[in-house]
N, C-alpha and C. Protein backbone atom coordinates (compact mmCIF):
# COMPACT_ATOMS: atom_id res chain seq x y z
N UNK A 1 0.94 -0.93 0.17
CA UNK A 1 0.20 0.16 -0.19
C UNK A 1 1.17 1.31 -0.02
N UNK A 2 0.57 2.27 -0.63
CA UNK A 2 1.05 3.74 -0.91
C UNK A 2 0.02 4.54 0.46
N UNK A 3 1.12 5.31 1.42
CA UNK A 3 0.31 6.04 2.24
C UNK A 3 0.63 7.84 1.41
N UNK A 4 -0.77 7.78 2.05
CA UNK A 4 -0.98 9.37 1.08
C UNK A 4 -1.72 10.34 2.70
N UNK A 5 -1.07 11.86 2.40
CA UNK A 5 -1.73 12.41 3.29
C UNK A 5 -2.55 13.23 2.59
N UNK A 6 -3.85 14.01 3.10
CA UNK A 6 -4.62 14.79 2.55
C UNK A 6 -5.61 15.91 3.56
N UNK A 7 -5.92 16.83 3.71
CA UNK A 7 -6.55 17.30 4.23
C UNK A 7 -7.88 17.59 3.55
N UNK A 8 -8.65 17.47 4.73
CA UNK A 8 -10.40 17.34 4.64
C UNK A 8 -10.64 18.51 5.72
N UNK A 9 -12.32 18.82 5.56
CA UNK A 9 -12.87 19.75 6.18
C UNK A 9 -13.38 19.02 7.65
N UNK A 10 -13.64 19.56 8.51
CA UNK A 10 -13.87 19.21 9.68
C UNK A 10 -15.61 18.37 9.33
N UNK A 11 -16.48 19.23 8.97
CA UNK A 11 -17.14 18.04 8.23
C UNK A 11 -17.13 16.83 7.99
N UNK A 12 -16.29 16.81 6.88
CA UNK A 12 -16.22 15.90 6.21
C UNK A 12 -15.24 14.50 7.33
N UNK A 13 -14.64 15.22 8.37
CA UNK A 13 -14.02 14.36 8.61
C UNK A 13 -15.11 13.52 10.10
N UNK A 14 -15.82 14.54 10.61
CA UNK A 14 -16.93 14.18 11.16
C UNK A 14 -17.74 13.10 10.37
N UNK A 15 -18.21 13.14 9.60
CA UNK A 15 -19.04 12.33 8.65
C UNK A 15 -18.41 10.82 8.24
N UNK A 16 -16.85 11.12 7.94
CA UNK A 16 -16.10 9.91 7.83
C UNK A 16 -15.99 8.70 8.95
N UNK A 17 -15.70 9.48 10.18
CA UNK A 17 -15.81 8.54 11.60
C UNK A 17 -17.03 7.98 11.57
N UNK A 18 -18.36 9.10 11.45
CA UNK A 18 -19.14 8.41 11.19
C UNK A 18 -19.93 7.27 10.59
N UNK A 19 -19.47 7.08 9.45
CA UNK A 19 -20.04 6.48 8.43
C UNK A 19 -18.89 5.22 8.77
N UNK A 20 -17.81 5.23 8.78
CA UNK A 20 -16.84 4.19 9.01
C UNK A 20 -17.35 3.41 10.88
N UNK A 21 -17.75 4.12 11.54
CA UNK A 21 -18.38 3.34 12.89
C UNK A 21 -19.69 2.51 12.61
N UNK A 22 -20.44 3.14 11.79
CA UNK A 22 -21.86 2.59 11.76
C UNK A 22 -21.43 1.17 10.67
N UNK A 23 -20.53 0.84 9.89
CA UNK A 23 -20.35 0.36 8.98
C UNK A 23 -19.29 -0.41 9.67
N UNK A 24 -19.00 -0.42 10.93
CA UNK A 24 -18.01 -1.16 11.20
C UNK A 24 -16.79 -1.45 10.88
N UNK A 25 -15.89 -0.45 10.27
CA UNK A 25 -14.58 -0.77 9.49
C UNK A 25 -14.07 0.42 9.87
N UNK A 26 -12.76 0.77 9.15
CA UNK A 26 -11.69 1.77 9.52
C UNK A 26 -11.91 2.88 8.55
N UNK A 27 -11.38 4.20 8.83
CA UNK A 27 -12.03 5.39 8.20
C UNK A 27 -10.96 4.98 7.07
N UNK A 28 -9.81 4.75 7.18
CA UNK A 28 -8.88 4.61 5.62
C UNK A 28 -10.02 3.15 4.91
N UNK A 29 -9.80 2.27 5.31
CA UNK A 29 -10.85 1.62 4.30
C UNK A 29 -12.26 2.43 4.17
N UNK A 30 -12.98 3.23 4.67
CA UNK A 30 -14.22 3.75 4.04
C UNK A 30 -13.51 4.68 3.02
N UNK A 31 -12.22 5.14 3.43
CA UNK A 31 -11.59 6.27 1.98
C UNK A 31 -11.34 4.99 0.99
N UNK A 32 -10.81 4.37 1.09
CA UNK A 32 -10.14 3.38 0.21
C UNK A 32 -11.64 2.78 -0.96
N UNK A 33 -12.49 2.12 -0.42
CA UNK A 33 -13.96 1.79 -1.06
C UNK A 33 -14.30 3.40 -2.05
N UNK A 34 -14.20 4.41 -1.12
CA UNK A 34 -15.24 5.54 -1.87
C UNK A 34 -13.96 5.85 -3.22
N UNK A 35 -12.83 5.46 -2.71
CA UNK A 35 -11.81 6.16 -4.35
C UNK A 35 -12.06 4.44 -5.40
N UNK A 36 -12.35 3.11 -4.52
CA UNK A 36 -12.77 2.77 -5.71
C UNK A 36 -14.30 2.86 -6.33
N UNK A 37 -14.80 3.03 -5.55
CA UNK A 37 -16.54 3.35 -6.29
C UNK A 37 -16.21 4.85 -7.22
N UNK A 38 -15.39 5.70 -6.90
CA UNK A 38 -15.00 7.22 -8.03
C UNK A 38 -14.68 6.62 -9.32
N UNK A 39 -13.61 5.69 -8.99
CA UNK A 39 -12.88 5.23 -10.52
C UNK A 39 -13.59 4.23 -11.08
N UNK A 40 -14.61 3.07 -10.30
CA UNK A 40 -14.91 2.58 -11.12
C UNK A 40 -16.06 2.91 -12.25
N UNK A 41 -16.47 4.25 -11.44
CA UNK A 41 -17.49 4.65 -12.21
C UNK A 41 -16.88 5.29 -13.54
N UNK A 42 -15.95 5.71 -13.48
CA UNK A 42 -15.21 5.94 -15.02
C UNK A 42 -14.11 4.97 -15.47
N UNK A 43 -14.06 3.99 -15.04
CA UNK A 43 -13.41 2.74 -15.72
C UNK A 43 -14.31 1.33 -15.94
N UNK A 44 -15.10 1.24 -15.62
CA UNK A 44 -15.88 0.20 -15.16
C UNK A 44 -15.51 -0.65 -14.48
N UNK A 45 -14.06 -0.64 -13.75
CA UNK A 45 -13.34 -1.70 -12.62
C UNK A 45 -12.74 -0.65 -11.92
N UNK A 46 -12.90 -1.54 -10.46
CA UNK A 46 -12.41 -1.06 -9.58
C UNK A 46 -11.00 -0.84 -9.33
N UNK A 47 -10.13 -0.30 -8.80
CA UNK A 47 -8.72 -0.68 -8.46
C UNK A 47 -8.22 -1.85 -8.22
N UNK A 48 -9.50 -2.45 -6.99
CA UNK A 48 -8.83 -4.44 -6.61
C UNK A 48 -9.09 -4.98 -7.69
N UNK A 49 -10.56 -4.64 -8.35
CA UNK A 49 -10.27 -5.60 -9.61
C UNK A 49 -9.05 -6.02 -10.52
N UNK A 50 -8.19 -4.49 -10.96
CA UNK A 50 -7.42 -4.42 -11.61
C UNK A 50 -6.25 -5.20 -11.15
N UNK A 51 -5.89 -5.25 -9.84
CA UNK A 51 -4.90 -5.77 -9.11
C UNK A 51 -5.25 -7.29 -8.52
N UNK A 52 -6.27 -7.28 -8.70
CA UNK A 52 -6.80 -8.94 -8.49
C UNK A 52 -6.36 -9.80 -10.04
N UNK A 53 -6.83 -9.11 -11.17
CA UNK A 53 -6.99 -9.14 -12.84
C UNK A 53 -5.61 -9.40 -13.05
N UNK A 54 -4.38 -8.84 -12.25
CA UNK A 54 -3.12 -8.76 -12.60
C UNK A 54 -2.30 -9.90 -12.23
N UNK A 55 -2.86 -10.16 -10.51
CA UNK A 55 -2.46 -10.75 -9.84
C UNK A 55 -2.33 -12.78 -10.36
N UNK A 56 -3.50 -12.59 -11.24
CA UNK A 56 -4.10 -13.91 -11.77
C UNK A 56 -3.27 -14.21 -13.34
N UNK A 57 -3.30 -12.83 -13.92
CA UNK A 57 -2.71 -13.33 -14.80
C UNK A 57 -1.41 -13.59 -14.69
N UNK A 58 -0.73 -13.12 -14.08
CA UNK A 58 1.08 -13.66 -13.35
C UNK A 58 0.66 -14.91 -12.92
N UNK A 59 -0.30 -15.26 -11.94
CA UNK A 59 -0.07 -16.34 -11.64
C UNK A 59 -0.25 -17.37 -12.77
N UNK A 60 -1.20 -17.60 -13.60
CA UNK A 60 -1.32 -17.91 -14.66
C UNK A 60 -0.06 -18.33 -15.68
N UNK A 61 0.54 -17.27 -15.74
CA UNK A 61 1.99 -17.32 -16.66
C UNK A 61 2.79 -17.95 -15.98
N UNK A 62 2.66 -17.96 -14.50
CA UNK A 62 3.87 -18.76 -13.62
C UNK A 62 3.61 -20.55 -14.14
N UNK A 63 2.19 -20.64 -13.94
CA UNK A 63 1.84 -21.92 -14.08
C UNK A 63 2.16 -22.76 -15.54
N UNK A 64 1.81 -21.30 -16.09
CA UNK A 64 2.13 -22.49 -17.61
C UNK A 64 3.51 -22.53 -18.30
N UNK A 65 4.59 -21.53 -17.58
CA UNK A 65 5.83 -21.81 -18.12
C UNK A 65 6.46 -23.25 -16.85
N UNK A 66 6.00 -23.56 -15.99
CA UNK A 66 6.31 -24.08 -15.26
C UNK A 66 5.50 -25.69 -14.96
N UNK A 67 4.60 -25.91 -15.42
CA UNK A 67 3.86 -26.83 -15.97
C UNK A 67 3.80 -27.03 -17.05
N UNK A 68 4.37 -28.11 -17.92
CA UNK A 68 4.43 -28.87 -18.99
C UNK A 68 3.87 -30.37 -18.95
N UNK A 69 2.93 -30.83 -20.18
CA UNK A 69 2.42 -32.03 -20.11
C UNK A 69 3.83 -32.49 -20.90
N UNK A 70 3.65 -34.25 -20.61
CA UNK A 70 4.87 -34.73 -21.40
C UNK A 70 4.48 -34.87 -22.92
N UNK A 71 5.86 -34.69 -23.43
CA UNK A 71 6.20 -34.48 -25.03
C UNK A 71 5.24 -35.23 -25.76
N UNK A 72 5.06 -36.52 -25.59
CA UNK A 72 4.23 -37.82 -25.85
C UNK A 72 2.52 -37.25 -25.75
N UNK A 73 2.08 -36.31 -24.96
CA UNK A 73 1.00 -36.65 -24.55
C UNK A 73 0.41 -35.40 -25.57
N UNK A 74 -0.72 -36.10 -26.46
CA UNK A 74 -1.52 -35.68 -27.18
C UNK A 74 -3.25 -36.05 -27.21
N UNK A 75 -3.56 -35.39 -27.66
CA UNK A 75 -5.46 -35.63 -27.30
C UNK A 75 -6.12 -34.56 -28.21
N UNK A 76 -7.59 -34.90 -28.65
CA UNK A 76 -8.03 -34.16 -29.30
C UNK A 76 -9.30 -34.18 -28.43
N UNK A 77 -10.06 -32.85 -28.88
CA UNK A 77 -11.57 -32.61 -27.77
C UNK A 77 -12.31 -34.04 -28.32
N UNK A 78 -12.68 -34.54 -29.15
CA UNK A 78 -13.61 -35.75 -29.14
C UNK A 78 -13.49 -36.34 -28.64
N UNK A 79 -11.94 -37.38 -28.29
CA UNK A 79 -11.78 -38.14 -26.99
C UNK A 79 -12.06 -37.39 -25.86
N UNK A 80 -11.55 -36.12 -25.44
CA UNK A 80 -11.94 -35.72 -23.95
C UNK A 80 -13.20 -35.78 -23.71
N UNK A 81 -14.17 -35.67 -24.30
CA UNK A 81 -15.61 -35.81 -24.49
C UNK A 81 -16.55 -37.08 -24.24
N UNK A 82 -15.40 -37.66 -25.02
CA UNK A 82 -15.94 -39.04 -24.89
C UNK A 82 -15.46 -39.89 -23.71
N UNK A 83 -14.43 -39.36 -22.72
CA UNK A 83 -13.72 -39.95 -21.62
C UNK A 83 -14.40 -39.05 -20.35
N UNK A 84 -15.24 -37.86 -20.92
CA UNK A 84 -15.91 -37.36 -19.79
C UNK A 84 -17.46 -38.01 -19.63
N UNK A 85 -17.90 -38.29 -20.58
CA UNK A 85 -19.29 -38.64 -20.48
C UNK A 85 -19.20 -40.25 -20.41
N UNK A 86 -18.11 -40.74 -20.53
CA UNK A 86 -18.47 -42.31 -19.96
C UNK A 86 -17.91 -41.89 -18.16
N UNK A 87 -17.33 -41.14 -17.95
CA UNK A 87 -17.02 -41.11 -16.49
C UNK A 87 -18.12 -40.34 -15.77
N UNK A 88 -19.03 -39.86 -16.10
CA UNK A 88 -20.38 -39.26 -15.84
C UNK A 88 -21.19 -40.15 -15.81
N UNK A 89 -21.26 -41.46 -16.52
CA UNK A 89 -22.75 -42.28 -16.73
C UNK A 89 -21.76 -43.58 -15.72
N UNK A 90 -20.81 -43.27 -15.38
CA UNK A 90 -20.14 -44.86 -14.23
C UNK A 90 -21.03 -44.49 -12.89
N UNK A 91 -21.17 -45.55 -12.76
CA UNK A 91 -22.10 -45.85 -11.03
C UNK A 91 -21.13 -45.49 -10.38
N UNK A 92 -21.89 -44.97 -9.20
CA UNK A 92 -20.63 -44.15 -7.95
C UNK A 92 -20.64 -45.03 -6.77
N UNK A 93 -19.33 -45.10 -5.87
CA UNK A 93 -19.12 -46.18 -5.35
C UNK A 93 -19.74 -46.12 -4.15
């Protein structure tokens, strides 16, 4: 996280304290949510959504890089679907 310092009016301070207390969250969390809501209105995505997506993409790239199927492993869609159908119709033990 990045630390920011800003000035707000006394009225904003009182409202912020009241709202945070009524929601049971910190004032900082309330400010973060308000910023996300403002930015989401302009971009369609919140900062947290973009951060989560970026983290997911990075994790996916790492998995793709480190996890390889054996070289001789070949498959086709029809075979996969047939195997799946076969498993679904097997009686459970």
